[in-house]
Amino acid sequence: MGDIKVQQAIATSDTSSLIDLLENKSLPIEEVQSIYNAFKSDKQIVGQVAMNLSLRTSVYEREKEYSPIMVELLIDIASNPVDMGARWAVAKNPHTPVEVLRHLSNDPINLVRALVAANPSTPSDVLEKFFNDEKIVRDGLSGNPNTPPKLLKILCDDNDKMVRMRLAENRSAPKEIIALLVNDTDPDVSKAASANLGERA
């Protein structure tokens, strides 16, 4: 028997209460699924479910919120035509299955592709494809632990300071690539590269 408030709001189609409930990231994932299944053709609800999944997932503690229900929801939202915008939350979620990330890597919206490029679950062959994409998409590659070293080496010379900065902070990048950024012309990049190497010593 789920949460009474959730059940009542679903029964009475009280979408404003449901949106309020979804703002709480500790709402049980089963309740989130019940709301989504009842209102998957409601753009606002779909968007708020995507936001809820995003809030409850930490990039740093990736295993914490993993559940088969979350994965089911991510798969469904990725192909839900009601709210195209909700795909960004799926693209950035580390629990999104690889086949969904592959599908979203061809998304017409560059922000969705950019978030796939930054997602630590995206495989390296998809990341390689992004290297010739728009700048906003390429930017995600420099901080991704799966980006192939040959691409990271090229990104060392990128004109954009933020690309080099993310690369300098990338804990998974090979030491010899980070070492190249220690002498970067920008002091912030140089400092971040030195700190990264220092933490590995």
N, C-alpha and C. Protein backbone atom coordinates (compact mmCIF):
# COMPACT_ATOMS: atom_id res chain seq x y z
N MET A 1 0.88 -1.20 0.00
CA MET A 1 0.00 0.00 0.00
C MET A 1 0.90 1.23 0.00
N GLY A 2 0.94 2.00 -0.99
CA GLY A 2 1.87 3.12 -1.06
C GLY A 2 1.51 4.25 -0.13
N ASP A 3 2.21 5.31 -0.27
CA ASP A 3 1.99 6.52 0.51
C ASP A 3 0.56 7.03 0.26
N ILE A 4 -0.16 7.28 1.36
CA ILE A 4 -1.58 7.70 1.25
C ILE A 4 -1.71 9.00 0.45
N LYS A 5 -0.83 9.96 0.76
CA LYS A 5 -0.90 11.27 0.08
C LYS A 5 -0.74 11.09 -1.44
N VAL A 6 0.24 10.24 -1.80
CA VAL A 6 0.49 10.00 -3.23
C VAL A 6 -0.73 9.35 -3.86
N GLN A 7 -1.26 8.31 -3.21
CA GLN A 7 -2.42 7.58 -3.75
C GLN A 7 -3.63 8.50 -3.93
N GLN A 8 -3.84 9.36 -2.92
CA GLN A 8 -4.99 10.29 -3.00
C GLN A 8 -4.80 11.27 -4.16
N ALA A 9 -3.60 11.82 -4.26
CA ALA A 9 -3.33 12.80 -5.32
C ALA A 9 -3.48 12.16 -6.70
N ILE A 10 -3.03 10.89 -6.83
CA ILE A 10 -3.18 10.19 -8.11
C ILE A 10 -4.67 9.98 -8.40
N ALA A 11 -5.39 9.52 -7.37
CA ALA A 11 -6.83 9.22 -7.54
C ALA A 11 -7.63 10.45 -7.94
N THR A 12 -7.23 11.61 -7.41
CA THR A 12 -7.99 12.83 -7.69
C THR A 12 -7.35 13.67 -8.81
N SER A 13 -6.31 13.11 -9.45
CA SER A 13 -5.57 13.83 -10.50
C SER A 13 -5.11 15.21 -10.02
N ASP A 14 -4.65 15.27 -8.79
CA ASP A 14 -4.18 16.53 -8.21
C ASP A 14 -2.71 16.73 -8.58
N THR A 15 -2.51 17.21 -9.82
CA THR A 15 -1.13 17.30 -10.32
C THR A 15 -0.26 18.29 -9.55
N SER A 16 -0.86 19.37 -9.03
CA SER A 16 0.00 20.33 -8.30
C SER A 16 0.54 19.70 -7.02
N SER A 17 -0.28 18.87 -6.34
CA SER A 17 0.22 18.17 -5.14
C SER A 17 1.29 17.15 -5.52
N LEU A 18 1.07 16.47 -6.65
CA LEU A 18 2.05 15.47 -7.09
C LEU A 18 3.39 16.13 -7.43
N ILE A 19 3.33 17.30 -8.06
CA ILE A 19 4.57 18.02 -8.38
C ILE A 19 5.30 18.41 -7.09
N ASP A 20 4.52 18.87 -6.08
CA ASP A 20 5.13 19.19 -4.78
C ASP A 20 5.79 17.95 -4.18
N LEU A 21 5.10 16.82 -4.23
CA LEU A 21 5.64 15.58 -3.65
C LEU A 21 6.92 15.15 -4.37
N LEU A 22 6.96 15.35 -5.69
CA LEU A 22 8.14 14.96 -6.47
C LEU A 22 9.35 15.85 -6.20
N GLU A 23 9.11 17.01 -5.60
CA GLU A 23 10.24 17.88 -5.28
C GLU A 23 11.09 17.30 -4.14
N ASN A 24 10.53 16.31 -3.45
CA ASN A 24 11.25 15.68 -2.34
C ASN A 24 12.03 14.48 -2.87
N LYS A 25 13.37 14.59 -2.82
CA LYS A 25 14.17 13.50 -3.40
C LYS A 25 14.15 12.24 -2.54
N SER A 26 13.61 12.33 -1.31
CA SER A 26 13.55 11.11 -0.50
C SER A 26 12.19 10.40 -0.63
N LEU A 27 11.35 10.90 -1.54
CA LEU A 27 10.09 10.19 -1.83
C LEU A 27 10.48 8.80 -2.35
N PRO A 28 9.91 7.72 -1.79
CA PRO A 28 10.32 6.38 -2.25
C PRO A 28 10.20 6.25 -3.78
N ILE A 29 11.19 5.61 -4.36
CA ILE A 29 11.25 5.48 -5.83
C ILE A 29 10.01 4.76 -6.38
N GLU A 30 9.43 3.87 -5.57
CA GLU A 30 8.21 3.17 -6.00
C GLU A 30 7.06 4.16 -6.20
N GLU A 31 7.03 5.19 -5.33
CA GLU A 31 5.98 6.22 -5.44
C GLU A 31 6.21 7.08 -6.68
N VAL A 32 7.48 7.37 -6.93
CA VAL A 32 7.83 8.16 -8.13
C VAL A 32 7.35 7.41 -9.36
N GLN A 33 7.57 6.10 -9.37
CA GLN A 33 7.14 5.27 -10.51
C GLN A 33 5.61 5.26 -10.64
N SER A 34 4.92 5.17 -9.51
CA SER A 34 3.44 5.18 -9.55
C SER A 34 2.92 6.47 -10.17
N ILE A 35 3.52 7.59 -9.75
CA ILE A 35 3.10 8.90 -10.28
C ILE A 35 3.38 8.96 -11.79
N TYR A 36 4.59 8.53 -12.17
CA TYR A 36 4.97 8.58 -13.59
C TYR A 36 4.03 7.72 -14.43
N ASN A 37 3.77 6.50 -13.97
CA ASN A 37 2.91 5.59 -14.74
C ASN A 37 1.49 6.12 -14.91
N ALA A 38 1.02 6.84 -13.88
CA ALA A 38 -0.35 7.38 -13.95
C ALA A 38 -0.43 8.63 -14.83
N PHE A 39 0.70 9.36 -14.95
CA PHE A 39 0.65 10.66 -15.66
C PHE A 39 1.76 10.80 -16.71
N LYS A 40 2.10 9.69 -17.40
CA LYS A 40 3.24 9.79 -18.32
C LYS A 40 2.94 10.60 -19.57
N SER A 41 1.67 11.05 -19.72
CA SER A 41 1.39 11.91 -20.86
C SER A 41 1.25 13.37 -20.41
N ASP A 42 1.60 13.64 -19.15
CA ASP A 42 1.54 15.01 -18.61
C ASP A 42 2.96 15.59 -18.59
N LYS A 43 3.17 16.59 -19.44
CA LYS A 43 4.52 17.14 -19.60
C LYS A 43 5.14 17.60 -18.28
N GLN A 44 4.34 18.30 -17.46
CA GLN A 44 4.88 18.82 -16.20
C GLN A 44 5.31 17.70 -15.26
N ILE A 45 4.48 16.66 -15.18
CA ILE A 45 4.80 15.53 -14.29
C ILE A 45 6.05 14.81 -14.79
N VAL A 46 6.12 14.56 -16.10
CA VAL A 46 7.28 13.86 -16.66
C VAL A 46 8.56 14.65 -16.36
N GLY A 47 8.48 15.96 -16.56
CA GLY A 47 9.64 16.82 -16.27
C GLY A 47 10.04 16.77 -14.81
N GLN A 48 9.03 16.75 -13.93
CA GLN A 48 9.32 16.73 -12.49
C GLN A 48 9.86 15.37 -12.04
N VAL A 49 9.39 14.29 -12.67
CA VAL A 49 9.94 12.96 -12.36
C VAL A 49 11.41 12.93 -12.77
N ALA A 50 11.71 13.47 -13.96
CA ALA A 50 13.10 13.52 -14.43
C ALA A 50 13.96 14.31 -13.44
N MET A 51 13.41 15.42 -12.95
CA MET A 51 14.13 16.25 -11.98
C MET A 51 14.36 15.48 -10.68
N ASN A 52 13.35 14.75 -10.24
CA ASN A 52 13.46 13.96 -9.01
C ASN A 52 14.59 12.93 -9.13
N LEU A 53 14.65 12.25 -10.28
CA LEU A 53 15.70 11.25 -10.49
C LEU A 53 17.07 11.91 -10.50
N SER A 54 17.11 13.11 -11.05
CA SER A 54 18.36 13.85 -11.11
C SER A 54 18.82 14.26 -9.71
N LEU A 55 17.88 14.73 -8.89
CA LEU A 55 18.21 15.18 -7.53
C LEU A 55 18.69 14.03 -6.65
N ARG A 56 18.12 12.86 -6.85
CA ARG A 56 18.46 11.75 -5.95
C ARG A 56 19.73 11.02 -6.36
N THR A 57 20.33 11.41 -7.47
CA THR A 57 21.54 10.73 -7.94
C THR A 57 22.76 11.61 -7.75
N SER A 58 23.69 11.13 -6.96
CA SER A 58 24.93 11.87 -6.75
C SER A 58 25.99 11.33 -7.70
N VAL A 59 26.71 12.23 -8.32
CA VAL A 59 27.79 11.82 -9.23
C VAL A 59 28.90 11.15 -8.41
N TYR A 60 29.01 11.57 -7.15
CA TYR A 60 30.11 11.07 -6.31
C TYR A 60 29.79 9.75 -5.63
N GLU A 61 28.52 9.52 -5.35
CA GLU A 61 28.14 8.24 -4.73
C GLU A 61 27.17 7.55 -5.67
N ARG A 62 27.71 7.11 -6.78
CA ARG A 62 26.85 6.63 -7.86
C ARG A 62 26.01 5.42 -7.48
N GLU A 63 26.53 4.55 -6.62
CA GLU A 63 25.79 3.33 -6.32
C GLU A 63 24.64 3.58 -5.36
N LYS A 64 24.70 4.72 -4.67
CA LYS A 64 23.76 4.98 -3.58
C LYS A 64 22.29 4.83 -3.96
N GLU A 65 21.90 5.42 -5.06
CA GLU A 65 20.47 5.43 -5.40
C GLU A 65 20.12 4.44 -6.51
N TYR A 66 21.08 3.59 -6.86
CA TYR A 66 20.80 2.66 -7.96
C TYR A 66 19.63 1.74 -7.61
N SER A 67 18.72 1.56 -8.54
CA SER A 67 17.66 0.57 -8.36
C SER A 67 17.10 0.22 -9.73
N PRO A 68 16.60 -1.01 -9.88
CA PRO A 68 16.01 -1.40 -11.17
C PRO A 68 14.86 -0.48 -11.57
N ILE A 69 14.13 0.04 -10.58
CA ILE A 69 13.01 0.95 -10.88
C ILE A 69 13.53 2.24 -11.50
N MET A 70 14.63 2.77 -10.94
CA MET A 70 15.19 3.99 -11.51
C MET A 70 15.60 3.76 -12.96
N VAL A 71 16.23 2.63 -13.23
CA VAL A 71 16.67 2.33 -14.60
C VAL A 71 15.46 2.24 -15.53
N GLU A 72 14.40 1.57 -15.07
CA GLU A 72 13.16 1.48 -15.87
C GLU A 72 12.62 2.86 -16.22
N LEU A 73 12.60 3.73 -15.20
CA LEU A 73 12.09 5.10 -15.42
C LEU A 73 12.97 5.86 -16.40
N LEU A 74 14.27 5.73 -16.26
CA LEU A 74 15.20 6.44 -17.16
C LEU A 74 14.99 5.99 -18.61
N ILE A 75 14.82 4.67 -18.80
CA ILE A 75 14.61 4.13 -20.15
C ILE A 75 13.31 4.69 -20.75
N ASP A 76 12.26 4.72 -19.92
CA ASP A 76 10.97 5.18 -20.41
C ASP A 76 10.99 6.67 -20.73
N ILE A 77 11.59 7.47 -19.84
CA ILE A 77 11.63 8.93 -20.05
C ILE A 77 12.43 9.27 -21.31
N ALA A 78 13.48 8.49 -21.58
CA ALA A 78 14.34 8.76 -22.75
C ALA A 78 13.55 8.72 -24.05
N SER A 79 12.50 7.90 -24.08
CA SER A 79 11.73 7.81 -25.33
C SER A 79 10.33 8.39 -25.20
N ASN A 80 10.09 9.13 -24.12
CA ASN A 80 8.76 9.73 -23.93
C ASN A 80 8.67 11.02 -24.75
N PRO A 81 7.78 11.06 -25.75
CA PRO A 81 7.71 12.23 -26.62
C PRO A 81 7.04 13.44 -25.98
N VAL A 82 6.42 13.25 -24.81
CA VAL A 82 5.67 14.34 -24.18
C VAL A 82 6.58 15.48 -23.74
N ASP A 83 7.73 15.13 -23.15
CA ASP A 83 8.63 16.19 -22.68
C ASP A 83 10.04 15.91 -23.19
N MET A 84 10.37 16.54 -24.31
CA MET A 84 11.70 16.37 -24.89
C MET A 84 12.77 16.85 -23.92
N GLY A 85 12.43 17.90 -23.16
CA GLY A 85 13.39 18.49 -22.23
C GLY A 85 13.82 17.54 -21.13
N ALA A 86 12.96 16.58 -20.79
CA ALA A 86 13.29 15.64 -19.70
C ALA A 86 14.47 14.75 -20.08
N ARG A 87 14.78 14.68 -21.38
CA ARG A 87 15.88 13.81 -21.80
C ARG A 87 17.22 14.25 -21.23
N TRP A 88 17.37 15.54 -20.90
CA TRP A 88 18.65 15.99 -20.35
C TRP A 88 18.94 15.28 -19.03
N ALA A 89 17.87 15.06 -18.22
CA ALA A 89 18.06 14.41 -16.92
C ALA A 89 18.49 12.95 -17.10
N VAL A 90 17.99 12.33 -18.18
CA VAL A 90 18.37 10.95 -18.47
C VAL A 90 19.81 10.92 -18.98
N ALA A 91 20.15 11.90 -19.84
CA ALA A 91 21.49 11.95 -20.44
C ALA A 91 22.58 12.11 -19.39
N LYS A 92 22.29 12.81 -18.29
CA LYS A 92 23.35 13.05 -17.30
C LYS A 92 23.37 12.02 -16.18
N ASN A 93 22.36 11.15 -16.11
CA ASN A 93 22.26 10.23 -14.97
C ASN A 93 23.23 9.05 -15.14
N PRO A 94 24.11 8.82 -14.16
CA PRO A 94 25.09 7.72 -14.31
C PRO A 94 24.47 6.33 -14.32
N HIS A 95 23.18 6.23 -13.94
CA HIS A 95 22.50 4.93 -13.95
C HIS A 95 21.81 4.64 -15.28
N THR A 96 21.86 5.59 -16.20
CA THR A 96 21.22 5.38 -17.50
C THR A 96 21.97 4.28 -18.25
N PRO A 97 21.25 3.26 -18.74
CA PRO A 97 21.93 2.15 -19.44
C PRO A 97 22.66 2.63 -20.70
N VAL A 98 23.74 1.93 -21.02
CA VAL A 98 24.60 2.30 -22.15
C VAL A 98 23.81 2.41 -23.45
N GLU A 99 22.86 1.48 -23.68
CA GLU A 99 22.12 1.52 -24.96
C GLU A 99 21.26 2.79 -25.06
N VAL A 100 20.79 3.29 -23.91
CA VAL A 100 20.01 4.54 -23.93
C VAL A 100 20.95 5.72 -24.20
N LEU A 101 22.13 5.68 -23.60
CA LEU A 101 23.12 6.75 -23.85
C LEU A 101 23.52 6.76 -25.33
N ARG A 102 23.66 5.58 -25.90
CA ARG A 102 23.99 5.49 -27.35
C ARG A 102 22.89 6.16 -28.17
N HIS A 103 21.65 5.86 -27.80
CA HIS A 103 20.50 6.44 -28.51
C HIS A 103 20.52 7.97 -28.36
N LEU A 104 20.75 8.45 -27.13
CA LEU A 104 20.74 9.90 -26.88
C LEU A 104 21.96 10.61 -27.47
N SER A 105 22.99 9.85 -27.82
CA SER A 105 24.18 10.49 -28.42
C SER A 105 23.87 11.05 -29.80
N ASN A 106 22.72 10.65 -30.36
CA ASN A 106 22.29 11.18 -31.67
C ASN A 106 21.16 12.19 -31.52
N ASP A 107 20.93 12.65 -30.28
CA ASP A 107 19.81 13.56 -30.03
C ASP A 107 19.99 14.86 -30.80
N PRO A 108 18.90 15.42 -31.34
CA PRO A 108 19.03 16.69 -32.08
C PRO A 108 19.39 17.87 -31.17
N ILE A 109 19.14 17.75 -29.87
CA ILE A 109 19.43 18.86 -28.95
C ILE A 109 20.86 18.76 -28.44
N ASN A 110 21.66 19.81 -28.69
CA ASN A 110 23.08 19.73 -28.33
C ASN A 110 23.33 19.58 -26.83
N LEU A 111 22.46 20.14 -25.99
CA LEU A 111 22.66 20.01 -24.54
C LEU A 111 22.53 18.54 -24.12
N VAL A 112 21.61 17.81 -24.73
CA VAL A 112 21.45 16.39 -24.41
C VAL A 112 22.73 15.64 -24.79
N ARG A 113 23.25 15.93 -25.99
CA ARG A 113 24.50 15.26 -26.42
C ARG A 113 25.66 15.66 -25.51
N ALA A 114 25.67 16.93 -25.09
CA ALA A 114 26.75 17.41 -24.21
C ALA A 114 26.73 16.66 -22.88
N LEU A 115 25.54 16.39 -22.36
CA LEU A 115 25.44 15.67 -21.08
C LEU A 115 25.80 14.19 -21.24
N VAL A 116 25.50 13.63 -22.41
CA VAL A 116 25.94 12.26 -22.69
C VAL A 116 27.47 12.24 -22.73
N ALA A 117 28.06 13.28 -23.33
CA ALA A 117 29.52 13.36 -23.45
C ALA A 117 30.19 13.45 -22.07
N ALA A 118 29.49 14.05 -21.11
CA ALA A 118 30.07 14.20 -19.77
C ALA A 118 29.71 13.04 -18.84
N ASN A 119 28.80 12.17 -19.28
CA ASN A 119 28.33 11.09 -18.41
C ASN A 119 29.40 10.01 -18.25
N PRO A 120 29.79 9.69 -17.00
CA PRO A 120 30.86 8.70 -16.79
C PRO A 120 30.50 7.29 -17.24
N SER A 121 29.23 7.05 -17.56
CA SER A 121 28.83 5.72 -18.03
C SER A 121 28.87 5.59 -19.56
N THR A 122 29.14 6.70 -20.25
CA THR A 122 29.18 6.67 -21.72
C THR A 122 30.44 5.95 -22.19
N PRO A 123 30.30 4.94 -23.07
CA PRO A 123 31.49 4.21 -23.53
C PRO A 123 32.39 5.04 -24.45
N SER A 124 33.66 4.66 -24.49
CA SER A 124 34.65 5.46 -25.22
C SER A 124 34.37 5.57 -26.72
N ASP A 125 33.75 4.56 -27.34
CA ASP A 125 33.50 4.67 -28.79
C ASP A 125 32.48 5.77 -29.09
N VAL A 126 31.53 5.98 -28.17
CA VAL A 126 30.54 7.06 -28.35
C VAL A 126 31.25 8.40 -28.12
N LEU A 127 32.13 8.44 -27.13
CA LEU A 127 32.86 9.68 -26.84
C LEU A 127 33.72 10.10 -28.03
N GLU A 128 34.34 9.13 -28.67
CA GLU A 128 35.18 9.46 -29.85
C GLU A 128 34.36 10.17 -30.92
N LYS A 129 33.12 9.72 -31.08
CA LYS A 129 32.24 10.29 -32.10
C LYS A 129 31.95 11.77 -31.81
N PHE A 130 31.93 12.12 -30.51
CA PHE A 130 31.61 13.50 -30.12
C PHE A 130 32.76 14.48 -30.40
N PHE A 131 33.94 13.95 -30.67
CA PHE A 131 35.09 14.83 -30.81
C PHE A 131 34.92 15.84 -31.94
N ASN A 132 34.12 15.48 -32.94
CA ASN A 132 33.88 16.40 -34.07
C ASN A 132 32.54 17.11 -33.97
N ASP A 133 31.93 17.05 -32.80
CA ASP A 133 30.63 17.68 -32.60
C ASP A 133 30.82 19.16 -32.24
N GLU A 134 29.71 19.84 -31.93
CA GLU A 134 29.78 21.25 -31.54
C GLU A 134 30.61 21.42 -30.28
N LYS A 135 31.06 22.65 -30.07
CA LYS A 135 31.91 22.94 -28.92
C LYS A 135 31.27 22.53 -27.59
N ILE A 136 29.98 22.86 -27.40
CA ILE A 136 29.31 22.55 -26.14
C ILE A 136 29.36 21.04 -25.85
N VAL A 137 29.33 20.23 -26.91
CA VAL A 137 29.37 18.78 -26.74
C VAL A 137 30.80 18.32 -26.45
N ARG A 138 31.75 18.84 -27.22
CA ARG A 138 33.16 18.48 -27.02
C ARG A 138 33.62 18.81 -25.61
N ASP A 139 33.09 19.92 -25.06
CA ASP A 139 33.50 20.35 -23.71
C ASP A 139 33.32 19.26 -22.66
N GLY A 140 32.29 18.42 -22.85
CA GLY A 140 32.04 17.38 -21.85
C GLY A 140 33.11 16.29 -21.84
N LEU A 141 33.85 16.16 -22.93
CA LEU A 141 34.83 15.08 -23.05
C LEU A 141 36.01 15.25 -22.09
N SER A 142 36.41 16.50 -21.84
CA SER A 142 37.65 16.72 -21.09
C SER A 142 37.59 16.23 -19.64
N GLY A 143 36.39 16.17 -19.06
CA GLY A 143 36.29 15.71 -17.68
C GLY A 143 35.81 14.28 -17.54
N ASN A 144 35.55 13.61 -18.68
CA ASN A 144 34.97 12.26 -18.61
C ASN A 144 36.07 11.21 -18.41
N PRO A 145 35.90 10.33 -17.39
CA PRO A 145 36.93 9.32 -17.13
C PRO A 145 37.10 8.30 -18.26
N ASN A 146 36.12 8.20 -19.18
CA ASN A 146 36.21 7.22 -20.28
C ASN A 146 36.76 7.79 -21.58
N THR A 147 37.04 9.09 -21.62
CA THR A 147 37.54 9.67 -22.87
C THR A 147 38.91 9.07 -23.21
N PRO A 148 39.08 8.55 -24.42
CA PRO A 148 40.36 7.93 -24.79
C PRO A 148 41.53 8.92 -24.66
N PRO A 149 42.67 8.45 -24.13
CA PRO A 149 43.83 9.33 -23.94
C PRO A 149 44.25 10.11 -25.18
N LYS A 150 44.11 9.50 -26.38
CA LYS A 150 44.54 10.21 -27.60
C LYS A 150 43.72 11.49 -27.81
N LEU A 151 42.43 11.47 -27.37
CA LEU A 151 41.60 12.67 -27.49
C LEU A 151 41.96 13.68 -26.41
N LEU A 152 42.25 13.17 -25.20
CA LEU A 152 42.61 14.07 -24.10
C LEU A 152 43.89 14.84 -24.46
N LYS A 153 44.80 14.14 -25.12
CA LYS A 153 46.08 14.79 -25.49
C LYS A 153 45.80 15.98 -26.43
N ILE A 154 44.88 15.81 -27.35
CA ILE A 154 44.53 16.91 -28.27
C ILE A 154 43.85 18.04 -27.50
N LEU A 155 43.00 17.66 -26.52
CA LEU A 155 42.27 18.67 -25.74
C LEU A 155 43.20 19.51 -24.85
N CYS A 156 44.41 19.02 -24.61
CA CYS A 156 45.40 19.80 -23.84
C CYS A 156 45.67 21.14 -24.49
N ASP A 157 45.55 21.18 -25.82
CA ASP A 157 45.86 22.41 -26.57
C ASP A 157 44.61 23.17 -26.95
N ASP A 158 43.47 22.81 -26.37
CA ASP A 158 42.22 23.49 -26.73
C ASP A 158 42.31 24.97 -26.37
N ASN A 159 41.71 25.82 -27.22
CA ASN A 159 41.73 27.27 -26.97
C ASN A 159 40.90 27.67 -25.76
N ASP A 160 39.93 26.83 -25.41
CA ASP A 160 39.02 27.16 -24.33
C ASP A 160 39.62 26.78 -22.98
N LYS A 161 39.79 27.77 -22.13
CA LYS A 161 40.38 27.53 -20.81
C LYS A 161 39.58 26.50 -20.01
N MET A 162 38.23 26.54 -20.11
CA MET A 162 37.41 25.62 -19.32
C MET A 162 37.61 24.16 -19.73
N VAL A 163 37.87 23.94 -21.01
CA VAL A 163 38.15 22.57 -21.47
C VAL A 163 39.44 22.08 -20.82
N ARG A 164 40.47 22.93 -20.85
CA ARG A 164 41.76 22.55 -20.26
C ARG A 164 41.63 22.41 -18.73
N MET A 165 40.80 23.25 -18.14
CA MET A 165 40.59 23.20 -16.69
C MET A 165 39.96 21.87 -16.28
N ARG A 166 38.90 21.47 -17.00
CA ARG A 166 38.24 20.20 -16.67
C ARG A 166 39.21 19.03 -16.87
N LEU A 167 40.04 19.14 -17.90
CA LEU A 167 41.02 18.09 -18.16
C LEU A 167 42.05 18.05 -17.02
N ALA A 168 42.49 19.22 -16.59
CA ALA A 168 43.46 19.29 -15.49
C ALA A 168 42.93 18.67 -14.21
N GLU A 169 41.59 18.72 -14.04
CA GLU A 169 40.97 18.17 -12.83
C GLU A 169 40.52 16.72 -13.00
N ASN A 170 40.65 16.17 -14.21
CA ASN A 170 40.17 14.81 -14.50
C ASN A 170 41.08 13.78 -13.82
N ARG A 171 40.54 13.14 -12.78
CA ARG A 171 41.32 12.18 -11.97
C ARG A 171 41.67 10.91 -12.75
N SER A 172 40.98 10.67 -13.85
CA SER A 172 41.23 9.43 -14.61
C SER A 172 42.17 9.64 -15.78
N ALA A 173 42.49 10.90 -16.07
CA ALA A 173 43.38 11.16 -17.20
C ALA A 173 44.79 10.67 -16.87
N PRO A 174 45.51 10.13 -17.87
CA PRO A 174 46.87 9.66 -17.61
C PRO A 174 47.77 10.78 -17.07
N LYS A 175 48.66 10.40 -16.14
CA LYS A 175 49.55 11.39 -15.50
C LYS A 175 50.34 12.21 -16.52
N GLU A 176 50.80 11.53 -17.59
CA GLU A 176 51.64 12.25 -18.56
C GLU A 176 50.86 13.35 -19.28
N ILE A 177 49.53 13.16 -19.40
CA ILE A 177 48.71 14.20 -20.04
C ILE A 177 48.50 15.36 -19.07
N ILE A 178 48.25 15.04 -17.81
CA ILE A 178 48.08 16.09 -16.79
C ILE A 178 49.38 16.88 -16.65
N ALA A 179 50.51 16.17 -16.75
CA ALA A 179 51.83 16.83 -16.62
C ALA A 179 52.01 17.91 -17.70
N LEU A 180 51.42 17.69 -18.87
CA LEU A 180 51.53 18.69 -19.95
C LEU A 180 50.85 20.01 -19.56
N LEU A 181 49.83 19.91 -18.67
CA LEU A 181 49.08 21.11 -18.29
C LEU A 181 49.69 21.84 -17.10
N VAL A 182 50.71 21.26 -16.48
CA VAL A 182 51.36 21.92 -15.33
C VAL A 182 51.98 23.25 -15.79
N ASN A 183 52.42 23.29 -17.03
CA ASN A 183 53.03 24.52 -17.56
C ASN A 183 52.06 25.33 -18.42
N ASP A 184 50.78 25.13 -18.21
CA ASP A 184 49.78 25.85 -19.00
C ASP A 184 49.92 27.35 -18.80
N THR A 185 49.60 28.10 -19.85
CA THR A 185 49.71 29.56 -19.79
C THR A 185 48.74 30.17 -18.78
N ASP A 186 47.65 29.46 -18.49
CA ASP A 186 46.68 29.98 -17.52
C ASP A 186 47.02 29.45 -16.13
N PRO A 187 47.22 30.35 -15.15
CA PRO A 187 47.64 29.90 -13.81
C PRO A 187 46.63 28.97 -13.12
N ASP A 188 45.33 29.16 -13.40
CA ASP A 188 44.32 28.29 -12.77
C ASP A 188 44.44 26.86 -13.27
N VAL A 189 44.67 26.72 -14.58
CA VAL A 189 44.81 25.39 -15.18
C VAL A 189 46.08 24.73 -14.65
N SER A 190 47.16 25.49 -14.63
CA SER A 190 48.44 24.99 -14.14
C SER A 190 48.33 24.51 -12.69
N LYS A 191 47.65 25.31 -11.88
CA LYS A 191 47.47 24.98 -10.45
C LYS A 191 46.63 23.70 -10.28
N ALA A 192 45.54 23.59 -11.07
CA ALA A 192 44.67 22.40 -10.99
C ALA A 192 45.43 21.15 -11.41
N ALA A 193 46.27 21.27 -12.45
CA ALA A 193 47.06 20.11 -12.92
C ALA A 193 48.05 19.68 -11.85
N SER A 194 48.70 20.65 -11.23
CA SER A 194 49.68 20.34 -10.16
C SER A 194 48.99 19.66 -8.98
N ALA A 195 47.80 20.15 -8.62
CA ALA A 195 47.06 19.57 -7.50
C ALA A 195 46.64 18.13 -7.83
N ASN A 196 46.21 17.91 -9.08
CA ASN A 196 45.79 16.57 -9.51
C ASN A 196 46.96 15.60 -9.40
N LEU A 197 48.15 16.02 -9.89
CA LEU A 197 49.32 15.15 -9.83
C LEU A 197 49.75 14.92 -8.38
N GLY A 198 49.63 15.99 -7.57
CA GLY A 198 50.02 15.91 -6.15
C GLY A 198 49.19 14.90 -5.40
N GLU A 199 47.92 14.83 -5.73
CA GLU A 199 47.03 13.88 -5.04
C GLU A 199 47.29 12.43 -5.43
N ARG A 200 47.95 12.24 -6.55
CA ARG A 200 48.24 10.86 -6.99
C ARG A 200 49.60 10.38 -6.53
N ALA A 201 50.43 11.33 -6.06
CA ALA A 201 51.82 10.98 -5.74
C ALA A 201 51.90 9.97 -4.60
